[in-house]
């Protein structure tokens, strides 16, 4: 009986093995079967996405252009403020009266010189009318123009476009012709503007203090001029 039972069990085992060898396993068939819902874009979805991107780009370009113009406006005003502070300190250091000449023409420019008159458009330091200072007995051009600040215009209130700093205290000099009593101090301001209505003003006081403000608070980060 035991021998018969063993023979029957061996026969069943052989039949089962033969049946499983003839068909692929479920696990292998799952691995090789392609997914029913493969991810991807339809043509309609792609067109909608491109349309949304185009709209966002059209909205962003003007904002970026305005930001660039505002940065050029701030750059021009900050450059003048820094030069005024530098001239004041340099006049005291050299013990020489120094002048800053502002030409509000188109394009505007300014220059620095010991003389109360110079042409900030001249680029030859050996020209007698150029805005230069001596450094180690060498004439060096000291001027800046509107080339790096496209779209920025300027107006100045300095008497004849000239301001100066006296050598002892660094206060503004009395400018203009006539007797000393009739001359006015070299204090004044320069207002820079751009096409988007932004305005920044550089103000020079009688005592030589320099500050920046926005006449109509059109530039964030600057106080309103008073």
N, C-alpha and C. Protein backbone atom coordinates (compact mmCIF):
# COMPACT_ATOMS: atom_id res chain seq x y z
N UNK A 1 0.82 -1.20 0.00
CA UNK A 1 0.00 0.00 0.00
C UNK A 1 0.86 1.26 0.00
N UNK A 2 1.89 1.23 0.82
CA UNK A 2 2.75 2.41 0.87
C UNK A 2 3.44 2.63 -0.45
N UNK A 3 3.85 1.55 -1.08
CA UNK A 3 4.52 1.69 -2.37
C UNK A 3 3.56 2.21 -3.42
N UNK A 4 2.30 1.79 -3.38
CA UNK A 4 1.31 2.27 -4.34
C UNK A 4 1.03 3.75 -4.16
N UNK A 5 0.95 4.18 -2.86
CA UNK A 5 0.70 5.60 -2.58
C UNK A 5 1.83 6.46 -3.09
N UNK A 6 3.07 5.99 -2.90
CA UNK A 6 4.21 6.77 -3.37
C UNK A 6 4.18 6.90 -4.89
N UNK A 7 3.84 5.80 -5.57
CA UNK A 7 3.79 5.85 -7.03
C UNK A 7 2.74 6.82 -7.52
N UNK A 8 1.57 6.86 -6.85
CA UNK A 8 0.50 7.80 -7.25
C UNK A 8 0.94 9.25 -7.04
N UNK A 9 1.59 9.53 -5.90
CA UNK A 9 2.04 10.90 -5.62
C UNK A 9 3.10 11.34 -6.61
N UNK A 10 4.00 10.41 -6.96
CA UNK A 10 5.02 10.76 -7.95
C UNK A 10 4.40 11.06 -9.30
N UNK A 11 3.37 10.31 -9.66
CA UNK A 11 2.71 10.54 -10.94
C UNK A 11 2.02 11.90 -10.97
N UNK A 12 1.34 12.27 -9.86
CA UNK A 12 0.67 13.58 -9.78
C UNK A 12 1.68 14.72 -9.88
N UNK A 13 2.80 14.53 -9.20
CA UNK A 13 3.84 15.58 -9.24
C UNK A 13 4.37 15.77 -10.64
N UNK A 14 4.60 14.66 -11.37
CA UNK A 14 5.11 14.77 -12.74
C UNK A 14 4.10 15.46 -13.65
N UNK A 15 2.82 15.17 -13.45
CA UNK A 15 1.78 15.81 -14.28
C UNK A 15 1.74 17.31 -14.03
N UNK A 16 1.84 17.70 -12.76
CA UNK A 16 1.81 19.13 -12.43
C UNK A 16 3.00 19.87 -13.05
N UNK A 17 4.16 19.25 -12.95
CA UNK A 17 5.35 19.88 -13.51
C UNK A 17 5.25 20.04 -15.01
N UNK A 18 4.73 19.03 -15.65
CA UNK A 18 4.57 19.10 -17.10
C UNK A 18 3.59 20.20 -17.50
N UNK A 19 2.56 20.42 -16.69
CA UNK A 19 1.57 21.47 -17.01
C UNK A 19 2.11 22.87 -16.84
N UNK A 20 2.90 23.11 -15.83
CA UNK A 20 3.44 24.45 -15.58
C UNK A 20 4.55 24.82 -16.53
N UNK A 21 5.28 23.83 -17.06
CA UNK A 21 6.36 24.13 -18.01
C UNK A 21 5.83 24.60 -19.35
N UNK A 22 4.61 24.35 -19.66
CA UNK A 22 4.07 24.71 -20.97
C UNK A 22 3.51 26.09 -21.09
N UNK A 23 3.32 26.82 -19.99
CA UNK A 23 2.77 28.18 -20.08
C UNK A 23 3.64 29.14 -19.26
N UNK A 24 3.72 30.45 -19.66
CA UNK A 24 4.55 31.42 -18.93
C UNK A 24 3.94 31.74 -17.58
N UNK A 25 4.82 32.07 -16.67
CA UNK A 25 4.34 32.43 -15.34
C UNK A 25 3.63 33.77 -15.37
N UNK A 26 2.75 33.99 -14.37
CA UNK A 26 1.98 35.24 -14.28
C UNK A 26 2.90 36.42 -14.05
N UNK A 27 3.93 36.22 -13.24
CA UNK A 27 4.85 37.32 -12.92
C UNK A 27 5.58 37.79 -14.16
N UNK A 28 6.08 36.82 -14.99
CA UNK A 28 6.82 37.23 -16.18
C UNK A 28 5.91 37.89 -17.20
N UNK A 29 4.65 37.42 -17.29
CA UNK A 29 3.73 38.05 -18.24
C UNK A 29 3.37 39.45 -17.82
N UNK A 30 3.33 39.71 -16.49
CA UNK A 30 3.06 41.08 -16.03
C UNK A 30 4.20 42.01 -16.38
N UNK A 31 5.41 41.49 -16.27
CA UNK A 31 6.55 42.34 -16.55
C UNK A 31 6.67 42.71 -18.02
N UNK A 32 6.30 41.84 -18.90
CA UNK A 32 6.49 42.10 -20.32
C UNK A 32 5.28 42.76 -20.97
N UNK A 33 4.14 42.73 -20.32
CA UNK A 33 2.94 43.31 -20.94
C UNK A 33 3.07 44.83 -20.97
N UNK A 34 2.78 45.50 -22.07
CA UNK A 34 2.85 46.96 -22.15
C UNK A 34 1.76 47.60 -21.30
N UNK A 35 2.04 48.77 -20.67
CA UNK A 35 1.01 49.44 -19.86
C UNK A 35 -0.14 49.91 -20.74
N UNK A 36 -1.33 49.82 -20.15
CA UNK A 36 -2.52 50.20 -20.92
C UNK A 36 -2.62 51.71 -21.09
N UNK A 37 -2.23 52.52 -20.02
CA UNK A 37 -2.35 53.98 -20.06
C UNK A 37 -0.96 54.61 -19.96
N UNK A 38 -0.21 54.65 -21.04
CA UNK A 38 1.13 55.24 -21.04
C UNK A 38 1.04 56.76 -20.92
N UNK A 39 1.86 57.41 -20.01
CA UNK A 39 1.81 58.87 -19.86
C UNK A 39 2.34 59.58 -21.09
N UNK A 40 1.85 60.85 -21.34
CA UNK A 40 2.31 61.63 -22.48
C UNK A 40 1.38 62.79 -22.76
N UNK A 41 1.77 63.69 -23.70
CA UNK A 41 0.97 64.84 -24.09
C UNK A 41 0.20 64.53 -25.37
N UNK A 42 -1.04 64.91 -25.36
CA UNK A 42 -1.77 64.90 -26.63
C UNK A 42 -1.45 66.19 -27.37
N UNK A 43 -1.77 66.26 -28.63
CA UNK A 43 -1.52 67.47 -29.42
C UNK A 43 -2.28 68.65 -28.85
N UNK A 44 -3.50 68.44 -28.40
CA UNK A 44 -4.31 69.53 -27.83
C UNK A 44 -3.67 70.06 -26.56
N UNK A 45 -3.22 69.15 -25.69
CA UNK A 45 -2.58 69.59 -24.45
C UNK A 45 -1.31 70.38 -24.73
N UNK A 46 -0.54 69.95 -25.72
CA UNK A 46 0.68 70.66 -26.08
C UNK A 46 0.38 72.07 -26.59
N UNK A 47 -0.66 72.21 -27.41
CA UNK A 47 -1.03 73.53 -27.94
C UNK A 47 -1.50 74.45 -26.82
N UNK A 48 -2.26 73.93 -25.87
CA UNK A 48 -2.73 74.75 -24.75
C UNK A 48 -1.55 75.21 -23.90
N UNK A 49 -0.61 74.30 -23.64
CA UNK A 49 0.57 74.65 -22.84
C UNK A 49 1.39 75.75 -23.51
N UNK A 50 1.61 75.63 -24.81
CA UNK A 50 2.37 76.64 -25.54
C UNK A 50 1.65 77.98 -25.55
N UNK A 51 0.33 77.97 -25.64
CA UNK A 51 -0.44 79.22 -25.62
C UNK A 51 -0.31 79.92 -24.28
N UNK A 52 -0.39 79.15 -23.19
CA UNK A 52 -0.25 79.74 -21.85
C UNK A 52 1.14 80.33 -21.68
N UNK A 53 2.17 79.62 -22.14
CA UNK A 53 3.54 80.14 -22.04
C UNK A 53 3.71 81.42 -22.84
N UNK A 54 3.09 81.49 -24.01
CA UNK A 54 3.19 82.70 -24.84
C UNK A 54 2.53 83.89 -24.14
N UNK A 55 1.39 83.65 -23.49
CA UNK A 55 0.70 84.73 -22.77
C UNK A 55 1.55 85.22 -21.60
N UNK A 56 2.12 84.29 -20.84
CA UNK A 56 2.96 84.67 -19.71
C UNK A 56 4.19 85.46 -20.17
N UNK A 57 4.78 85.05 -21.30
CA UNK A 57 5.95 85.76 -21.82
C UNK A 57 5.59 87.18 -22.25
N UNK A 58 4.42 87.34 -22.89
CA UNK A 58 4.01 88.67 -23.34
C UNK A 58 3.74 89.59 -22.16
N UNK A 59 3.28 89.03 -21.04
CA UNK A 59 3.05 89.85 -19.85
C UNK A 59 4.36 90.18 -19.14
N UNK A 60 5.34 89.28 -19.21
CA UNK A 60 6.59 89.49 -18.48
C UNK A 60 7.57 90.41 -19.16
N UNK A 61 7.57 90.48 -20.49
CA UNK A 61 8.54 91.31 -21.21
C UNK A 61 8.42 92.79 -20.86
N UNK A 62 7.22 93.41 -20.88
CA UNK A 62 7.14 94.83 -20.50
C UNK A 62 7.60 95.09 -19.07
N UNK A 63 7.28 94.17 -18.16
CA UNK A 63 7.70 94.36 -16.77
C UNK A 63 9.22 94.32 -16.65
N UNK A 64 9.85 93.42 -17.38
CA UNK A 64 11.31 93.35 -17.34
C UNK A 64 11.94 94.58 -17.98
N UNK A 65 11.35 95.07 -19.06
CA UNK A 65 11.87 96.27 -19.71
C UNK A 65 11.78 97.47 -18.77
N UNK A 66 10.66 97.58 -18.06
CA UNK A 66 10.51 98.68 -17.10
C UNK A 66 11.53 98.56 -15.97
N UNK A 67 11.81 97.33 -15.54
CA UNK A 67 12.80 97.12 -14.48
C UNK A 67 14.19 97.55 -14.95
N UNK A 68 14.55 97.19 -16.19
CA UNK A 68 15.86 97.59 -16.72
C UNK A 68 15.98 99.11 -16.81
N UNK A 69 14.91 99.78 -17.26
CA UNK A 69 14.94 101.24 -17.37
C UNK A 69 15.04 101.88 -15.99
N UNK A 70 14.36 101.30 -15.01
CA UNK A 70 14.45 101.84 -13.65
C UNK A 70 15.86 101.66 -13.10
N UNK A 71 16.50 100.54 -13.41
CA UNK A 71 17.87 100.33 -12.95
C UNK A 71 18.84 101.32 -13.59
N UNK A 72 18.63 101.64 -14.88
CA UNK A 72 19.49 102.65 -15.52
C UNK A 72 19.26 104.02 -14.90
N UNK A 73 18.01 104.34 -14.56
CA UNK A 73 17.71 105.61 -13.90
C UNK A 73 18.43 105.69 -12.55
N UNK A 74 18.34 104.64 -11.77
CA UNK A 74 19.01 104.62 -10.47
C UNK A 74 20.52 104.68 -10.64
N UNK A 75 21.04 104.00 -11.67
CA UNK A 75 22.48 104.01 -11.89
C UNK A 75 23.01 105.40 -12.20
N UNK A 76 22.27 106.16 -13.03
CA UNK A 76 22.71 107.52 -13.37
C UNK A 76 22.71 108.42 -12.14
N UNK A 77 21.64 108.36 -11.35
CA UNK A 77 21.54 109.21 -10.16
C UNK A 77 22.61 108.83 -9.13
N UNK A 78 22.83 107.56 -8.93
CA UNK A 78 23.84 107.13 -7.96
C UNK A 78 25.25 107.51 -8.41
N UNK A 79 25.50 107.45 -9.72
CA UNK A 79 26.82 107.83 -10.23
C UNK A 79 27.11 109.30 -9.94
N UNK A 80 26.11 110.17 -10.15
CA UNK A 80 26.31 111.60 -9.88
C UNK A 80 26.48 111.85 -8.38
N UNK A 81 25.66 111.20 -7.57
CA UNK A 81 25.77 111.38 -6.12
C UNK A 81 27.16 110.96 -5.62
N UNK A 82 27.67 109.86 -6.13
CA UNK A 82 29.00 109.40 -5.73
C UNK A 82 30.09 110.35 -6.21
N UNK A 83 29.95 110.90 -7.41
CA UNK A 83 30.96 111.83 -7.92
C UNK A 83 30.96 113.13 -7.11
N UNK A 84 29.79 113.62 -6.74
CA UNK A 84 29.72 114.84 -5.93
C UNK A 84 30.40 114.62 -4.58
N UNK A 85 30.16 113.48 -3.97
CA UNK A 85 30.81 113.18 -2.69
C UNK A 85 32.32 113.03 -2.87
N UNK A 86 32.71 112.43 -3.99
CA UNK A 86 34.14 112.26 -4.24
C UNK A 86 34.82 113.61 -4.45
N UNK A 87 34.21 114.49 -5.24
CA UNK A 87 34.80 115.81 -5.51
C UNK A 87 34.96 116.59 -4.21
N UNK A 88 33.97 116.53 -3.35
CA UNK A 88 34.04 117.24 -2.07
C UNK A 88 35.24 116.75 -1.26
N UNK A 89 35.37 115.44 -1.14
CA UNK A 89 36.49 114.89 -0.38
C UNK A 89 37.83 115.17 -1.04
N UNK A 90 37.87 115.14 -2.37
CA UNK A 90 39.11 115.38 -3.10
C UNK A 90 39.55 116.84 -2.97
N UNK A 91 38.60 117.77 -2.93
CA UNK A 91 38.95 119.19 -2.76
C UNK A 91 39.65 119.41 -1.42
N UNK A 92 39.13 118.76 -0.38
CA UNK A 92 39.75 118.89 0.94
C UNK A 92 41.12 118.21 0.95
N UNK A 93 41.21 117.03 0.37
CA UNK A 93 42.46 116.28 0.37
C UNK A 93 43.56 117.00 -0.39
N UNK A 94 43.20 117.58 -1.54
CA UNK A 94 44.20 118.27 -2.37
C UNK A 94 44.45 119.70 -1.89
N UNK A 95 43.55 120.19 -1.06
CA UNK A 95 43.59 121.61 -0.66
C UNK A 95 43.50 122.50 -1.89
N UNK A 96 42.58 122.12 -2.79
CA UNK A 96 42.34 122.86 -4.03
C UNK A 96 40.83 122.94 -4.25
N UNK A 97 40.36 124.10 -4.69
CA UNK A 97 38.94 124.22 -5.06
C UNK A 97 38.69 123.38 -6.32
N UNK A 98 37.63 122.59 -6.29
CA UNK A 98 37.28 121.75 -7.44
C UNK A 98 35.85 122.02 -7.87
N UNK A 99 35.60 121.78 -9.16
CA UNK A 99 34.28 122.06 -9.74
C UNK A 99 33.71 120.83 -10.44
N UNK A 100 32.40 120.74 -10.43
CA UNK A 100 31.69 119.75 -11.25
C UNK A 100 30.81 120.53 -12.21
N UNK A 101 31.02 120.30 -13.49
CA UNK A 101 30.29 121.01 -14.55
C UNK A 101 29.28 120.05 -15.16
N UNK A 102 27.99 120.40 -15.11
CA UNK A 102 26.93 119.53 -15.63
C UNK A 102 26.32 120.16 -16.88
N UNK A 103 26.36 119.40 -17.98
CA UNK A 103 25.76 119.84 -19.24
C UNK A 103 24.50 119.00 -19.46
N UNK A 104 23.34 119.63 -19.36
CA UNK A 104 22.07 118.91 -19.47
C UNK A 104 21.58 118.78 -20.91
N UNK A 105 22.46 119.02 -21.88
CA UNK A 105 22.07 118.88 -23.29
C UNK A 105 21.79 117.43 -23.64
N UNK A 106 21.65 117.17 -24.92
CA UNK A 106 21.36 115.81 -25.37
C UNK A 106 22.51 115.30 -26.25
N UNK A 107 23.27 114.31 -25.80
CA UNK A 107 23.13 113.65 -24.50
C UNK A 107 23.78 114.45 -23.39
N UNK A 108 23.28 114.27 -22.18
CA UNK A 108 23.83 114.99 -21.03
C UNK A 108 25.18 114.38 -20.63
N UNK A 109 25.93 115.16 -19.87
CA UNK A 109 27.22 114.69 -19.36
C UNK A 109 27.65 115.58 -18.21
N UNK A 110 28.66 115.16 -17.48
CA UNK A 110 29.28 116.04 -16.49
C UNK A 110 30.77 115.75 -16.42
N UNK A 111 31.50 116.75 -15.95
CA UNK A 111 32.94 116.61 -15.83
C UNK A 111 33.44 117.28 -14.57
N UNK A 112 34.66 116.95 -14.18
CA UNK A 112 35.27 117.47 -12.95
C UNK A 112 36.59 118.13 -13.32
N UNK A 113 36.83 119.32 -12.75
CA UNK A 113 38.03 120.07 -13.10
C UNK A 113 38.32 121.11 -12.02
N UNK A 114 39.58 121.57 -12.00
CA UNK A 114 39.89 122.71 -11.14
C UNK A 114 39.30 123.98 -11.73
N UNK A 115 39.22 124.04 -13.05
CA UNK A 115 38.63 125.21 -13.71
C UNK A 115 37.11 125.17 -13.55
N UNK A 116 36.51 126.34 -13.56
CA UNK A 116 35.05 126.42 -13.41
C UNK A 116 34.33 126.21 -14.73
N UNK A 117 35.07 125.95 -15.79
CA UNK A 117 34.46 125.68 -17.09
C UNK A 117 35.29 124.63 -17.82
N UNK A 118 34.62 123.61 -18.31
CA UNK A 118 35.27 122.60 -19.15
C UNK A 118 34.19 121.93 -19.98
N UNK A 119 34.61 121.25 -21.03
CA UNK A 119 33.67 120.60 -21.94
C UNK A 119 33.69 119.09 -21.67
N UNK A 120 32.59 118.59 -21.09
CA UNK A 120 32.55 117.17 -20.71
C UNK A 120 32.37 116.24 -21.90
N UNK A 121 32.24 116.80 -23.11
CA UNK A 121 32.12 115.96 -24.31
C UNK A 121 33.47 115.68 -24.97
N UNK A 122 34.50 116.38 -24.53
CA UNK A 122 35.84 116.19 -25.11
C UNK A 122 36.48 114.94 -24.50
N UNK A 123 37.03 114.10 -25.36
CA UNK A 123 37.62 112.84 -24.89
C UNK A 123 39.15 112.83 -24.96
N UNK A 124 39.74 113.94 -25.38
CA UNK A 124 41.20 114.04 -25.45
C UNK A 124 41.70 114.77 -24.20
N UNK A 125 42.41 114.09 -23.31
CA UNK A 125 42.86 114.75 -22.08
C UNK A 125 43.83 115.90 -22.32
N UNK A 126 44.45 115.95 -23.48
CA UNK A 126 45.40 117.02 -23.78
C UNK A 126 44.73 118.27 -24.32
N UNK A 127 43.44 118.18 -24.61
CA UNK A 127 42.70 119.36 -25.05
C UNK A 127 42.56 120.31 -23.86
N UNK A 128 42.90 121.59 -24.03
CA UNK A 128 42.84 122.52 -22.89
C UNK A 128 41.44 122.72 -22.33
N UNK A 129 40.40 122.39 -23.11
CA UNK A 129 39.03 122.55 -22.63
C UNK A 129 38.43 121.27 -22.05
N UNK A 130 39.23 120.20 -22.01
CA UNK A 130 38.73 118.93 -21.49
C UNK A 130 38.60 119.00 -19.97
N UNK A 131 37.72 118.17 -19.43
CA UNK A 131 37.54 118.08 -17.98
C UNK A 131 38.56 117.08 -17.43
N UNK A 132 39.62 117.60 -16.85
CA UNK A 132 40.71 116.74 -16.38
C UNK A 132 41.15 117.14 -14.97
N UNK A 133 41.82 116.21 -14.31
CA UNK A 133 42.52 116.47 -13.06
C UNK A 133 43.91 115.87 -13.17
N UNK A 134 44.84 116.45 -12.43
CA UNK A 134 46.21 115.94 -12.43
C UNK A 134 46.35 114.82 -11.41
N UNK A 135 46.90 113.70 -11.87
CA UNK A 135 47.25 112.59 -11.00
C UNK A 135 48.69 112.22 -11.31
N UNK A 136 49.58 112.46 -10.33
CA UNK A 136 51.01 112.22 -10.54
C UNK A 136 51.51 112.95 -11.79
N UNK A 137 51.14 114.22 -11.90
CA UNK A 137 51.56 115.10 -13.00
C UNK A 137 51.04 114.64 -14.36
N UNK A 138 50.02 113.81 -14.37
CA UNK A 138 49.42 113.35 -15.63
C UNK A 138 47.96 113.78 -15.67
N UNK A 139 47.56 114.38 -16.79
CA UNK A 139 46.17 114.79 -16.95
C UNK A 139 45.29 113.56 -17.19
N UNK A 140 44.26 113.43 -16.38
CA UNK A 140 43.34 112.29 -16.49
C UNK A 140 41.93 112.83 -16.68
N UNK A 141 41.26 112.30 -17.69
CA UNK A 141 39.87 112.71 -17.94
C UNK A 141 38.99 112.32 -16.76
N UNK A 142 38.16 113.25 -16.33
CA UNK A 142 37.18 112.97 -15.28
C UNK A 142 35.82 113.43 -15.79
N UNK A 143 35.15 112.54 -16.48
CA UNK A 143 33.83 112.90 -17.01
C UNK A 143 32.98 111.65 -17.15
N UNK A 144 31.69 111.85 -17.30
CA UNK A 144 30.74 110.75 -17.50
C UNK A 144 29.62 111.27 -18.39
N UNK A 145 29.17 110.41 -19.32
CA UNK A 145 28.07 110.83 -20.20
C UNK A 145 26.94 109.82 -20.16
N UNK A 146 25.91 110.09 -20.96
CA UNK A 146 24.68 109.30 -20.92
C UNK A 146 24.76 107.99 -21.67
N UNK A 147 25.92 107.66 -22.23
CA UNK A 147 26.02 106.47 -23.08
C UNK A 147 25.60 105.19 -22.37
N UNK A 148 25.93 105.09 -21.09
CA UNK A 148 25.59 103.87 -20.34
C UNK A 148 24.21 103.92 -19.71
N UNK A 149 23.47 104.98 -19.96
CA UNK A 149 22.16 105.15 -19.33
C UNK A 149 21.12 105.52 -20.38
N UNK A 150 20.94 104.63 -21.35
CA UNK A 150 20.01 104.88 -22.46
C UNK A 150 18.60 105.10 -21.93
N UNK A 151 17.92 106.10 -22.51
CA UNK A 151 16.55 106.39 -22.12
C UNK A 151 16.40 107.27 -20.91
N UNK A 152 17.52 107.75 -20.35
CA UNK A 152 17.47 108.61 -19.16
C UNK A 152 17.80 110.04 -19.57
N UNK A 153 16.92 110.97 -19.23
CA UNK A 153 17.15 112.39 -19.49
C UNK A 153 17.46 113.10 -18.18
N UNK A 154 17.97 114.33 -18.27
CA UNK A 154 18.39 115.04 -17.06
C UNK A 154 18.18 116.54 -17.19
N UNK A 155 17.85 117.17 -16.07
CA UNK A 155 17.77 118.63 -15.97
C UNK A 155 18.50 119.05 -14.69
N UNK A 156 19.16 120.21 -14.73
CA UNK A 156 19.94 120.67 -13.59
C UNK A 156 19.54 122.08 -13.19
N UNK A 157 19.67 122.38 -11.89
CA UNK A 157 19.35 123.72 -11.39
C UNK A 157 20.60 124.48 -10.95
N UNK A 158 21.79 123.89 -11.13
CA UNK A 158 23.00 124.62 -10.78
C UNK A 158 23.13 125.87 -11.64
N UNK A 159 23.65 126.94 -11.06
CA UNK A 159 23.84 128.19 -11.79
C UNK A 159 24.80 127.95 -12.95
N UNK A 160 24.30 128.09 -14.17
CA UNK A 160 25.07 127.85 -15.39
C UNK A 160 25.64 126.42 -15.42
N UNK A 161 24.99 125.51 -14.72
CA UNK A 161 25.40 124.11 -14.73
C UNK A 161 26.67 123.81 -13.97
N UNK A 162 27.10 124.72 -13.10
CA UNK A 162 28.39 124.55 -12.42
C UNK A 162 28.19 124.59 -10.91
N UNK A 163 28.84 123.67 -10.22
CA UNK A 163 28.93 123.73 -8.76
C UNK A 163 30.38 123.49 -8.37
N UNK A 164 30.75 123.95 -7.19
CA UNK A 164 32.13 123.81 -6.76
C UNK A 164 32.22 123.60 -5.26
N UNK A 165 33.35 123.05 -4.83
CA UNK A 165 33.59 122.81 -3.40
C UNK A 165 34.86 123.52 -2.99
N UNK A 166 34.76 124.27 -1.90
CA UNK A 166 35.95 124.99 -1.45
C UNK A 166 36.85 124.06 -0.64
N UNK A 167 38.12 124.41 -0.64
CA UNK A 167 39.17 123.49 -0.19
C UNK A 167 39.22 123.25 1.31
N UNK A 168 38.72 124.16 2.12
CA UNK A 168 38.92 124.05 3.57
C UNK A 168 37.82 123.21 4.25
N UNK A 169 36.58 123.57 4.00
CA UNK A 169 35.48 122.89 4.70
C UNK A 169 34.67 121.97 3.79
N UNK A 170 34.91 122.05 2.49
CA UNK A 170 34.15 121.21 1.58
C UNK A 170 32.74 121.69 1.34
N UNK A 171 32.46 122.95 1.70
CA UNK A 171 31.14 123.50 1.42
C UNK A 171 31.09 123.98 -0.03
N UNK A 172 29.88 124.22 -0.54
CA UNK A 172 29.77 124.67 -1.92
C UNK A 172 30.26 126.10 -2.06
N UNK A 173 30.91 126.38 -3.18
CA UNK A 173 31.47 127.70 -3.44
C UNK A 173 30.40 128.63 -3.99
N UNK A 174 30.62 129.92 -3.82
CA UNK A 174 29.75 130.91 -4.46
C UNK A 174 30.11 130.99 -5.93
N UNK A 175 29.12 130.81 -6.78
CA UNK A 175 29.35 130.74 -8.22
C UNK A 175 28.75 131.95 -8.91
N UNK A 176 29.18 132.18 -10.14
CA UNK A 176 28.65 133.27 -10.95
C UNK A 176 29.58 134.46 -10.96
N UNK A 177 29.23 135.45 -11.78
CA UNK A 177 30.05 136.66 -11.91
C UNK A 177 29.53 137.73 -10.96
N UNK A 178 30.31 138.78 -10.80
CA UNK A 178 29.90 139.88 -9.95
C UNK A 178 30.63 139.84 -8.62
N UNK A 179 30.21 140.70 -7.71
CA UNK A 179 30.85 140.78 -6.41
C UNK A 179 30.51 139.53 -5.59
N UNK A 180 31.30 139.31 -4.55
CA UNK A 180 31.09 138.13 -3.72
C UNK A 180 29.69 138.10 -3.12
N UNK A 181 29.17 139.27 -2.77
CA UNK A 181 27.84 139.31 -2.17
C UNK A 181 26.74 138.94 -3.13
N UNK A 182 26.96 139.14 -4.44
CA UNK A 182 25.91 138.84 -5.42
C UNK A 182 25.99 137.41 -5.94
N UNK A 183 27.07 136.73 -5.62
CA UNK A 183 27.20 135.35 -6.09
C UNK A 183 26.35 134.43 -5.23
N UNK A 184 25.82 133.38 -5.86
CA UNK A 184 25.03 132.41 -5.10
C UNK A 184 25.85 131.15 -4.87
N UNK A 185 25.50 130.46 -3.81
CA UNK A 185 26.19 129.21 -3.50
C UNK A 185 25.95 128.19 -4.61
N UNK A 186 26.83 127.23 -4.69
CA UNK A 186 26.74 126.23 -5.75
C UNK A 186 25.80 125.08 -5.44
N UNK A 187 24.93 125.26 -4.44
CA UNK A 187 23.97 124.20 -4.17
C UNK A 187 22.93 124.14 -5.28
N UNK A 188 22.30 123.01 -5.43
CA UNK A 188 21.30 122.82 -6.48
C UNK A 188 20.94 121.35 -6.59
N UNK A 189 20.37 120.98 -7.71
CA UNK A 189 19.95 119.58 -7.88
C UNK A 189 19.96 119.20 -9.36
N UNK A 190 19.98 117.91 -9.59
CA UNK A 190 19.83 117.34 -10.94
C UNK A 190 18.73 116.29 -10.87
N UNK A 191 17.77 116.39 -11.78
CA UNK A 191 16.65 115.44 -11.81
C UNK A 191 16.78 114.55 -13.04
N UNK A 192 16.81 113.25 -12.81
CA UNK A 192 16.88 112.26 -13.88
C UNK A 192 15.49 111.65 -14.09
N UNK A 193 15.12 111.43 -15.37
CA UNK A 193 13.79 110.90 -15.69
C UNK A 193 13.92 109.83 -16.77
N UNK A 194 12.91 108.94 -16.83
CA UNK A 194 12.85 107.97 -17.92
C UNK A 194 11.46 107.98 -18.55
N UNK A 195 11.28 107.19 -19.60
CA UNK A 195 10.05 107.21 -20.39
C UNK A 195 8.85 106.66 -19.63
N UNK A 196 9.08 105.89 -18.58
CA UNK A 196 7.97 105.31 -17.81
C UNK A 196 7.52 106.22 -16.67
N UNK A 197 8.01 107.46 -16.64
CA UNK A 197 7.58 108.40 -15.62
C UNK A 197 8.38 108.35 -14.34
N UNK A 198 9.44 107.53 -14.31
CA UNK A 198 10.27 107.47 -13.11
C UNK A 198 11.16 108.70 -13.00
N UNK A 199 11.31 109.21 -11.78
CA UNK A 199 12.14 110.39 -11.54
C UNK A 199 12.96 110.19 -10.28
N UNK A 200 14.24 110.54 -10.38
CA UNK A 200 15.13 110.56 -9.23
C UNK A 200 15.89 111.88 -9.23
N UNK A 201 16.04 112.45 -8.05
CA UNK A 201 16.71 113.75 -7.94
C UNK A 201 17.91 113.63 -7.00
N UNK A 202 19.02 114.21 -7.44
CA UNK A 202 20.23 114.30 -6.61
C UNK A 202 20.32 115.74 -6.12
N UNK A 203 20.31 115.91 -4.81
CA UNK A 203 20.26 117.25 -4.21
C UNK A 203 21.58 117.52 -3.48
N UNK A 204 22.17 118.68 -3.77
CA UNK A 204 23.40 119.12 -3.11
C UNK A 204 23.08 120.34 -2.26
N UNK A 205 23.36 120.27 -0.95
CA UNK A 205 23.06 121.38 -0.05
C UNK A 205 24.23 122.37 0.00
N UNK A 206 24.01 123.50 0.65
CA UNK A 206 25.04 124.53 0.77
C UNK A 206 26.27 123.99 1.50
N UNK A 207 26.06 123.14 2.49
CA UNK A 207 27.20 122.64 3.28
C UNK A 207 27.88 121.44 2.60
N UNK A 208 27.41 121.06 1.41
CA UNK A 208 28.05 119.99 0.67
C UNK A 208 27.45 118.61 0.89
N UNK A 209 26.30 118.57 1.56
CA UNK A 209 25.65 117.27 1.79
C UNK A 209 24.92 116.83 0.53
N UNK A 210 25.04 115.54 0.20
CA UNK A 210 24.41 114.98 -1.01
C UNK A 210 23.35 113.97 -0.58
N UNK A 211 22.19 114.07 -1.17
CA UNK A 211 21.13 113.10 -0.89
C UNK A 211 20.34 112.83 -2.17
N UNK A 212 19.60 111.72 -2.17
CA UNK A 212 18.78 111.33 -3.31
C UNK A 212 17.33 111.19 -2.85
N UNK A 213 16.41 111.57 -3.74
CA UNK A 213 14.99 111.45 -3.44
C UNK A 213 14.23 111.31 -4.75
N UNK A 214 12.94 110.99 -4.63
CA UNK A 214 12.08 110.87 -5.81
C UNK A 214 11.00 111.93 -5.73
N UNK A 215 10.92 112.86 -6.69
CA UNK A 215 9.94 113.96 -6.61
C UNK A 215 8.51 113.49 -6.41
N UNK A 216 8.12 112.41 -7.07
CA UNK A 216 6.74 111.92 -6.96
C UNK A 216 6.69 110.49 -6.43
N UNK A 217 7.78 110.05 -5.79
CA UNK A 217 7.87 108.69 -5.24
C UNK A 217 7.58 107.63 -6.31
N UNK A 218 8.02 107.90 -7.53
CA UNK A 218 7.80 106.96 -8.63
C UNK A 218 8.83 105.84 -8.64
N UNK A 219 9.88 105.96 -7.83
CA UNK A 219 10.92 104.93 -7.76
C UNK A 219 10.92 104.34 -6.35
N UNK A 220 10.59 103.05 -6.20
CA UNK A 220 10.56 102.44 -4.87
C UNK A 220 11.91 102.52 -4.18
N UNK A 221 11.86 102.70 -2.85
CA UNK A 221 13.08 102.71 -2.07
C UNK A 221 13.66 104.10 -1.83
N UNK A 222 13.02 105.15 -2.37
CA UNK A 222 13.50 106.51 -2.18
C UNK A 222 12.38 107.38 -1.61
N UNK A 223 12.76 108.25 -0.69
CA UNK A 223 11.78 109.15 -0.08
C UNK A 223 11.33 110.22 -1.06
N UNK A 224 10.17 110.77 -0.78
CA UNK A 224 9.66 111.86 -1.61
C UNK A 224 10.47 113.12 -1.33
N UNK A 225 10.81 113.85 -2.39
CA UNK A 225 11.57 115.09 -2.23
C UNK A 225 10.70 116.14 -1.55
N UNK A 226 11.30 116.87 -0.63
CA UNK A 226 10.58 117.94 0.06
C UNK A 226 11.35 119.24 -0.08
